[in-house]
Structures are given as C-alpha cells and as structure tokens.
Amino acid sequence: MDGDTFSGLGNGTQVDNKVLQTFQKSFVQVQNILDQNRLLINEINQNHESKMPDNLSRNVGLIRELNNNIRRVVDLYADLSTSFTKSMEASSEGDSGGTLKSDGKAGQKRIRPG
C-alpha cells in the first residue's frame, strides 16, 4: 500500500487517501470501544462471581454501558460499509464510460441504477 492506493481491492481499484484515513479513524474507534468492552466484561464477571449485592447492582449499569458500546460499534461498521460502497461507486463512476475490448472495438460499461 503506497498511501494513495489500496491494492487489496482487486483490479487495482484506486482509493484516495481521504477515504483510507476515514477507514483508519473508524477502525481505531472500533478497537478502542472493543478494548473498553473487554474491561467492562472482566469487571462484570468479577462482580458476578463475588455475589455481593452492591457489585451485582453495579453490573446493571455496566451491562447498559456494554450494550451502548455494542450499538456504537454496529453503527460505526454500518457507516464504514456505507462509506466503502460510496467510494467504490464513485471510483467506478470516475472510470471512463467506454471500454476497449480485447478485439479493439469500443464497448460501453453498464451503469447500475442507484
């Protein structure tokens, strides 16, 4: 990966640096939330094992926080999916409308209705 292209997309699809930065930012956010969730789950498990009423009561709030974090991760992945789809559509629309077939004759790309 050279900063301006993301070669893992097959067919040498070009993805601009801004898109990659957006993906990177979102993945970092997701990882931070998942790290926080790991800590929450550990605390919830410890509280559960202690069977102390105060700790069990505290778990209610911790589980709510965990659920909210999971919703945030789902939303981030949904946004990532939408951004990726839009960037791929924009990149395919940026290609020329016509193609040259191997026999040298011009052809038209089929544009999917959006």
N, C-alpha and C. Protein backbone atom coordinates (compact mmCIF):
# COMPACT_ATOMS: atom_id res chain seq x y z
N MET A 1 0.85 -1.17 0.00
CA MET A 1 0.00 0.00 0.00
C MET A 1 0.90 1.23 0.00
N ASP A 2 0.67 2.13 -0.95
CA ASP A 2 1.58 3.25 -1.07
C ASP A 2 0.97 4.56 -0.61
N GLY A 3 -0.13 4.56 0.12
CA GLY A 3 -0.71 5.79 0.63
C GLY A 3 -1.84 6.31 -0.23
N ASP A 4 -1.73 6.18 -1.55
CA ASP A 4 -2.76 6.70 -2.42
C ASP A 4 -3.62 5.60 -3.03
N THR A 5 -3.19 4.36 -2.93
CA THR A 5 -3.97 3.27 -3.48
C THR A 5 -4.12 2.18 -2.44
N PHE A 6 -5.16 1.44 -2.58
CA PHE A 6 -5.38 0.29 -1.71
C PHE A 6 -5.50 -0.89 -2.63
N SER A 7 -4.39 -1.61 -2.80
CA SER A 7 -4.34 -2.65 -3.82
C SER A 7 -5.10 -3.91 -3.43
N GLY A 8 -5.52 -4.03 -2.18
CA GLY A 8 -6.23 -5.22 -1.75
C GLY A 8 -7.64 -5.31 -2.28
N LEU A 9 -8.07 -4.35 -3.07
CA LEU A 9 -9.44 -4.35 -3.56
C LEU A 9 -9.60 -5.08 -4.88
N GLY A 10 -8.53 -5.60 -5.43
CA GLY A 10 -8.64 -6.32 -6.69
C GLY A 10 -8.81 -5.37 -7.85
N ASN A 11 -8.40 -5.80 -9.01
CA ASN A 11 -8.48 -4.99 -10.23
C ASN A 11 -7.79 -3.65 -10.09
N GLY A 12 -6.89 -3.48 -9.10
CA GLY A 12 -6.14 -2.24 -8.94
C GLY A 12 -7.01 -1.04 -8.66
N THR A 13 -8.13 -1.22 -8.01
CA THR A 13 -9.03 -0.12 -7.71
C THR A 13 -8.31 0.93 -6.89
N GLN A 14 -8.43 2.17 -7.30
CA GLN A 14 -7.79 3.27 -6.60
C GLN A 14 -8.74 3.83 -5.54
N VAL A 15 -8.21 4.02 -4.35
CA VAL A 15 -8.98 4.62 -3.27
C VAL A 15 -8.15 5.78 -2.76
N ASP A 16 -8.74 6.97 -2.69
CA ASP A 16 -7.92 8.11 -2.30
C ASP A 16 -7.57 8.08 -0.82
N ASN A 17 -6.58 8.88 -0.49
CA ASN A 17 -6.02 8.90 0.85
C ASN A 17 -7.05 9.32 1.89
N LYS A 18 -7.97 10.23 1.53
CA LYS A 18 -9.00 10.69 2.47
C LYS A 18 -9.90 9.53 2.91
N VAL A 19 -10.26 8.68 1.96
CA VAL A 19 -11.10 7.51 2.27
C VAL A 19 -10.35 6.59 3.23
N LEU A 20 -9.07 6.34 2.93
CA LEU A 20 -8.28 5.47 3.80
C LEU A 20 -8.15 6.05 5.20
N GLN A 21 -7.98 7.36 5.30
CA GLN A 21 -7.90 7.99 6.62
C GLN A 21 -9.21 7.85 7.39
N THR A 22 -10.32 7.97 6.67
CA THR A 22 -11.64 7.79 7.31
C THR A 22 -11.79 6.37 7.83
N PHE A 23 -11.41 5.38 7.01
CA PHE A 23 -11.48 3.99 7.44
C PHE A 23 -10.59 3.76 8.65
N GLN A 24 -9.37 4.28 8.60
CA GLN A 24 -8.43 4.09 9.70
C GLN A 24 -8.99 4.69 10.99
N LYS A 25 -9.54 5.88 10.89
CA LYS A 25 -10.11 6.54 12.07
C LYS A 25 -11.25 5.69 12.66
N SER A 26 -12.11 5.19 11.79
CA SER A 26 -13.24 4.38 12.26
C SER A 26 -12.76 3.08 12.89
N PHE A 27 -11.77 2.43 12.28
CA PHE A 27 -11.26 1.18 12.85
C PHE A 27 -10.60 1.42 14.20
N VAL A 28 -9.92 2.55 14.36
CA VAL A 28 -9.32 2.88 15.65
C VAL A 28 -10.42 3.09 16.70
N GLN A 29 -11.49 3.79 16.32
CA GLN A 29 -12.62 4.00 17.24
C GLN A 29 -13.22 2.65 17.66
N VAL A 30 -13.43 1.78 16.68
CA VAL A 30 -13.99 0.46 16.97
C VAL A 30 -13.07 -0.30 17.92
N GLN A 31 -11.78 -0.29 17.65
CA GLN A 31 -10.85 -1.03 18.50
C GLN A 31 -10.84 -0.48 19.92
N ASN A 32 -10.90 0.84 20.05
CA ASN A 32 -10.94 1.44 21.39
C ASN A 32 -12.20 1.02 22.16
N ILE A 33 -13.33 0.98 21.47
CA ILE A 33 -14.57 0.56 22.12
C ILE A 33 -14.48 -0.91 22.50
N LEU A 34 -13.94 -1.75 21.62
CA LEU A 34 -13.80 -3.18 21.93
C LEU A 34 -12.86 -3.40 23.11
N ASP A 35 -11.80 -2.60 23.19
CA ASP A 35 -10.90 -2.70 24.34
C ASP A 35 -11.62 -2.33 25.63
N GLN A 36 -12.44 -1.27 25.55
CA GLN A 36 -13.23 -0.86 26.72
C GLN A 36 -14.23 -1.96 27.09
N ASN A 37 -14.83 -2.59 26.09
CA ASN A 37 -15.78 -3.67 26.35
C ASN A 37 -15.11 -4.84 27.07
N ARG A 38 -13.88 -5.15 26.69
CA ARG A 38 -13.16 -6.24 27.34
C ARG A 38 -13.01 -5.94 28.83
N LEU A 39 -12.68 -4.69 29.16
CA LEU A 39 -12.55 -4.30 30.57
C LEU A 39 -13.89 -4.38 31.30
N LEU A 40 -14.95 -3.91 30.62
CA LEU A 40 -16.28 -3.98 31.21
C LEU A 40 -16.69 -5.42 31.49
N ILE A 41 -16.45 -6.29 30.53
CA ILE A 41 -16.82 -7.71 30.69
C ILE A 41 -16.05 -8.33 31.85
N ASN A 42 -14.77 -8.00 31.96
CA ASN A 42 -13.99 -8.53 33.08
C ASN A 42 -14.56 -8.06 34.42
N GLU A 43 -14.90 -6.78 34.49
CA GLU A 43 -15.47 -6.25 35.74
C GLU A 43 -16.83 -6.88 36.03
N ILE A 44 -17.65 -7.04 35.00
CA ILE A 44 -18.96 -7.67 35.17
C ILE A 44 -18.79 -9.09 35.71
N ASN A 45 -17.85 -9.83 35.13
CA ASN A 45 -17.60 -11.21 35.58
C ASN A 45 -17.12 -11.25 37.03
N GLN A 46 -16.22 -10.35 37.39
CA GLN A 46 -15.74 -10.31 38.78
C GLN A 46 -16.87 -9.98 39.74
N ASN A 47 -17.70 -9.00 39.37
CA ASN A 47 -18.83 -8.64 40.22
C ASN A 47 -19.80 -9.81 40.37
N HIS A 48 -20.03 -10.51 39.28
CA HIS A 48 -20.95 -11.65 39.31
C HIS A 48 -20.41 -12.75 40.21
N GLU A 49 -19.12 -13.03 40.08
CA GLU A 49 -18.51 -14.09 40.89
C GLU A 49 -18.49 -13.74 42.37
N SER A 50 -18.41 -12.44 42.68
CA SER A 50 -18.37 -12.03 44.09
C SER A 50 -19.72 -12.24 44.78
N LYS A 51 -20.79 -12.19 44.02
CA LYS A 51 -22.17 -12.37 44.52
C LYS A 51 -22.53 -11.37 45.61
N MET A 52 -21.77 -10.28 45.69
CA MET A 52 -22.09 -9.23 46.66
C MET A 52 -23.18 -8.35 46.06
N PRO A 53 -24.21 -8.04 46.87
CA PRO A 53 -25.35 -7.26 46.33
C PRO A 53 -24.94 -5.94 45.67
N ASP A 54 -24.01 -5.21 46.28
CA ASP A 54 -23.59 -3.94 45.68
C ASP A 54 -22.94 -4.15 44.32
N ASN A 55 -22.10 -5.18 44.21
CA ASN A 55 -21.43 -5.47 42.94
C ASN A 55 -22.43 -5.93 41.88
N LEU A 56 -23.41 -6.74 42.30
CA LEU A 56 -24.42 -7.20 41.35
C LEU A 56 -25.28 -6.03 40.86
N SER A 57 -25.57 -5.09 41.77
CA SER A 57 -26.33 -3.89 41.37
C SER A 57 -25.52 -3.05 40.40
N ARG A 58 -24.23 -2.96 40.66
CA ARG A 58 -23.36 -2.19 39.77
C ARG A 58 -23.33 -2.79 38.36
N ASN A 59 -23.50 -4.09 38.27
CA ASN A 59 -23.50 -4.75 36.96
C ASN A 59 -24.60 -4.24 36.04
N VAL A 60 -25.71 -3.80 36.62
CA VAL A 60 -26.81 -3.29 35.79
C VAL A 60 -26.31 -2.13 34.93
N GLY A 61 -25.63 -1.19 35.55
CA GLY A 61 -25.10 -0.05 34.81
C GLY A 61 -23.99 -0.44 33.85
N LEU A 62 -23.15 -1.39 34.30
CA LEU A 62 -22.05 -1.83 33.44
C LEU A 62 -22.58 -2.54 32.19
N ILE A 63 -23.62 -3.34 32.36
CA ILE A 63 -24.20 -4.04 31.21
C ILE A 63 -24.88 -3.05 30.26
N ARG A 64 -25.50 -2.02 30.81
CA ARG A 64 -26.08 -0.98 29.94
C ARG A 64 -24.99 -0.29 29.13
N GLU A 65 -23.88 0.02 29.81
CA GLU A 65 -22.76 0.65 29.11
C GLU A 65 -22.22 -0.27 28.01
N LEU A 66 -22.11 -1.55 28.33
CA LEU A 66 -21.64 -2.53 27.36
C LEU A 66 -22.58 -2.58 26.15
N ASN A 67 -23.89 -2.61 26.40
CA ASN A 67 -24.87 -2.63 25.30
C ASN A 67 -24.77 -1.38 24.44
N ASN A 68 -24.60 -0.22 25.08
CA ASN A 68 -24.45 1.03 24.32
C ASN A 68 -23.18 0.99 23.46
N ASN A 69 -22.11 0.45 24.02
CA ASN A 69 -20.87 0.33 23.25
C ASN A 69 -21.04 -0.58 22.05
N ILE A 70 -21.77 -1.66 22.24
CA ILE A 70 -22.01 -2.58 21.13
C ILE A 70 -22.82 -1.88 20.04
N ARG A 71 -23.81 -1.08 20.43
CA ARG A 71 -24.58 -0.30 19.45
C ARG A 71 -23.68 0.66 18.68
N ARG A 72 -22.75 1.30 19.39
CA ARG A 72 -21.82 2.22 18.73
C ARG A 72 -20.95 1.49 17.72
N VAL A 73 -20.48 0.29 18.07
CA VAL A 73 -19.66 -0.49 17.14
C VAL A 73 -20.48 -0.85 15.90
N VAL A 74 -21.72 -1.28 16.10
CA VAL A 74 -22.58 -1.63 14.96
C VAL A 74 -22.78 -0.40 14.07
N ASP A 75 -23.02 0.76 14.68
CA ASP A 75 -23.20 1.99 13.91
C ASP A 75 -21.94 2.36 13.14
N LEU A 76 -20.79 2.22 13.78
CA LEU A 76 -19.53 2.53 13.10
C LEU A 76 -19.31 1.61 11.90
N TYR A 77 -19.59 0.31 12.09
CA TYR A 77 -19.43 -0.63 10.97
C TYR A 77 -20.44 -0.33 9.86
N ALA A 78 -21.64 0.07 10.22
CA ALA A 78 -22.64 0.43 9.19
C ALA A 78 -22.16 1.65 8.41
N ASP A 79 -21.61 2.65 9.13
CA ASP A 79 -21.09 3.84 8.46
C ASP A 79 -19.92 3.48 7.56
N LEU A 80 -19.05 2.59 8.04
CA LEU A 80 -17.92 2.14 7.23
C LEU A 80 -18.40 1.47 5.95
N SER A 81 -19.39 0.62 6.09
CA SER A 81 -19.93 -0.09 4.93
C SER A 81 -20.50 0.89 3.91
N THR A 82 -21.25 1.87 4.39
CA THR A 82 -21.83 2.87 3.51
C THR A 82 -20.73 3.69 2.83
N SER A 83 -19.73 4.10 3.61
CA SER A 83 -18.63 4.89 3.04
C SER A 83 -17.88 4.09 2.00
N PHE A 84 -17.64 2.82 2.29
CA PHE A 84 -16.91 1.97 1.35
C PHE A 84 -17.69 1.82 0.06
N THR A 85 -18.99 1.56 0.19
CA THR A 85 -19.83 1.40 -1.00
C THR A 85 -19.83 2.67 -1.84
N LYS A 86 -19.99 3.82 -1.17
CA LYS A 86 -20.00 5.09 -1.91
C LYS A 86 -18.66 5.35 -2.59
N SER A 87 -17.56 5.02 -1.90
CA SER A 87 -16.24 5.26 -2.51
C SER A 87 -16.03 4.35 -3.71
N MET A 88 -16.53 3.13 -3.63
CA MET A 88 -16.39 2.20 -4.76
C MET A 88 -17.26 2.65 -5.93
N GLU A 89 -18.46 3.13 -5.62
CA GLU A 89 -19.33 3.64 -6.69
C GLU A 89 -18.71 4.87 -7.34
N ALA A 90 -18.16 5.75 -6.51
CA ALA A 90 -17.52 6.97 -7.05
C ALA A 90 -16.31 6.61 -7.89
N SER A 91 -15.55 5.62 -7.44
CA SER A 91 -14.36 5.24 -8.19
C SER A 91 -14.75 4.58 -9.51
N SER A 92 -15.83 3.80 -9.53
CA SER A 92 -16.24 3.18 -10.79
C SER A 92 -16.88 4.20 -11.72
N GLU A 93 -17.54 5.22 -11.16
CA GLU A 93 -18.09 6.28 -11.99
C GLU A 93 -16.99 7.18 -12.53
N GLY A 94 -15.87 7.24 -11.82
CA GLY A 94 -14.74 8.04 -12.27
C GLY A 94 -14.04 7.42 -13.44
N ASP A 95 -14.20 6.11 -13.64
CA ASP A 95 -13.62 5.45 -14.81
C ASP A 95 -14.34 5.97 -16.04
N SER A 96 -13.71 5.82 -17.20
CA SER A 96 -14.36 6.26 -18.43
C SER A 96 -15.58 5.40 -18.69
N GLY A 97 -16.58 5.98 -19.32
CA GLY A 97 -17.80 5.25 -19.60
C GLY A 97 -17.63 4.17 -20.63
N GLY A 98 -16.65 4.31 -21.49
CA GLY A 98 -16.43 3.32 -22.52
C GLY A 98 -15.21 2.48 -22.20
N THR A 99 -15.20 1.27 -22.71
CA THR A 99 -14.06 0.39 -22.53
C THR A 99 -13.59 -0.08 -23.88
N LEU A 100 -12.38 -0.54 -23.94
CA LEU A 100 -11.85 -1.09 -25.18
C LEU A 100 -11.74 -2.59 -25.00
N LYS A 101 -12.46 -3.33 -25.82
CA LYS A 101 -12.43 -4.78 -25.73
C LYS A 101 -11.13 -5.31 -26.30
N SER A 102 -10.84 -6.56 -25.99
CA SER A 102 -9.58 -7.14 -26.46
C SER A 102 -9.50 -7.19 -27.99
N ASP A 103 -10.66 -7.14 -28.66
CA ASP A 103 -10.63 -7.14 -30.13
C ASP A 103 -10.46 -5.74 -30.70
N GLY A 104 -10.29 -4.75 -29.81
CA GLY A 104 -10.04 -3.39 -30.26
C GLY A 104 -11.31 -2.59 -30.49
N LYS A 105 -12.47 -3.20 -30.34
CA LYS A 105 -13.73 -2.49 -30.56
C LYS A 105 -14.17 -1.84 -29.25
N ALA A 106 -14.77 -0.68 -29.37
CA ALA A 106 -15.23 0.04 -28.19
C ALA A 106 -16.52 -0.58 -27.67
N GLY A 107 -16.65 -0.59 -26.37
CA GLY A 107 -17.87 -1.08 -25.74
C GLY A 107 -18.31 -0.09 -24.68
N GLN A 108 -19.48 -0.25 -24.17
CA GLN A 108 -19.98 0.63 -23.12
C GLN A 108 -20.06 -0.14 -21.81
N LYS A 109 -19.67 0.53 -20.73
CA LYS A 109 -19.85 -0.07 -19.42
C LYS A 109 -21.31 0.07 -19.03
N ARG A 110 -21.80 -0.95 -18.38
CA ARG A 110 -23.16 -0.90 -17.88
C ARG A 110 -23.14 -0.15 -16.56
N ILE A 111 -23.94 0.88 -16.44
CA ILE A 111 -24.02 1.65 -15.20
C ILE A 111 -25.24 1.18 -14.45
N ARG A 112 -25.01 0.74 -13.21
CA ARG A 112 -26.12 0.26 -12.39
C ARG A 112 -26.92 1.43 -11.88
N PRO A 113 -28.25 1.33 -11.93
CA PRO A 113 -29.06 2.41 -11.36
C PRO A 113 -28.89 2.46 -9.86
N GLY A 114 -28.83 3.65 -9.28
CA GLY A 114 -28.60 3.78 -7.85
C GLY A 114 -29.74 4.27 -7.18
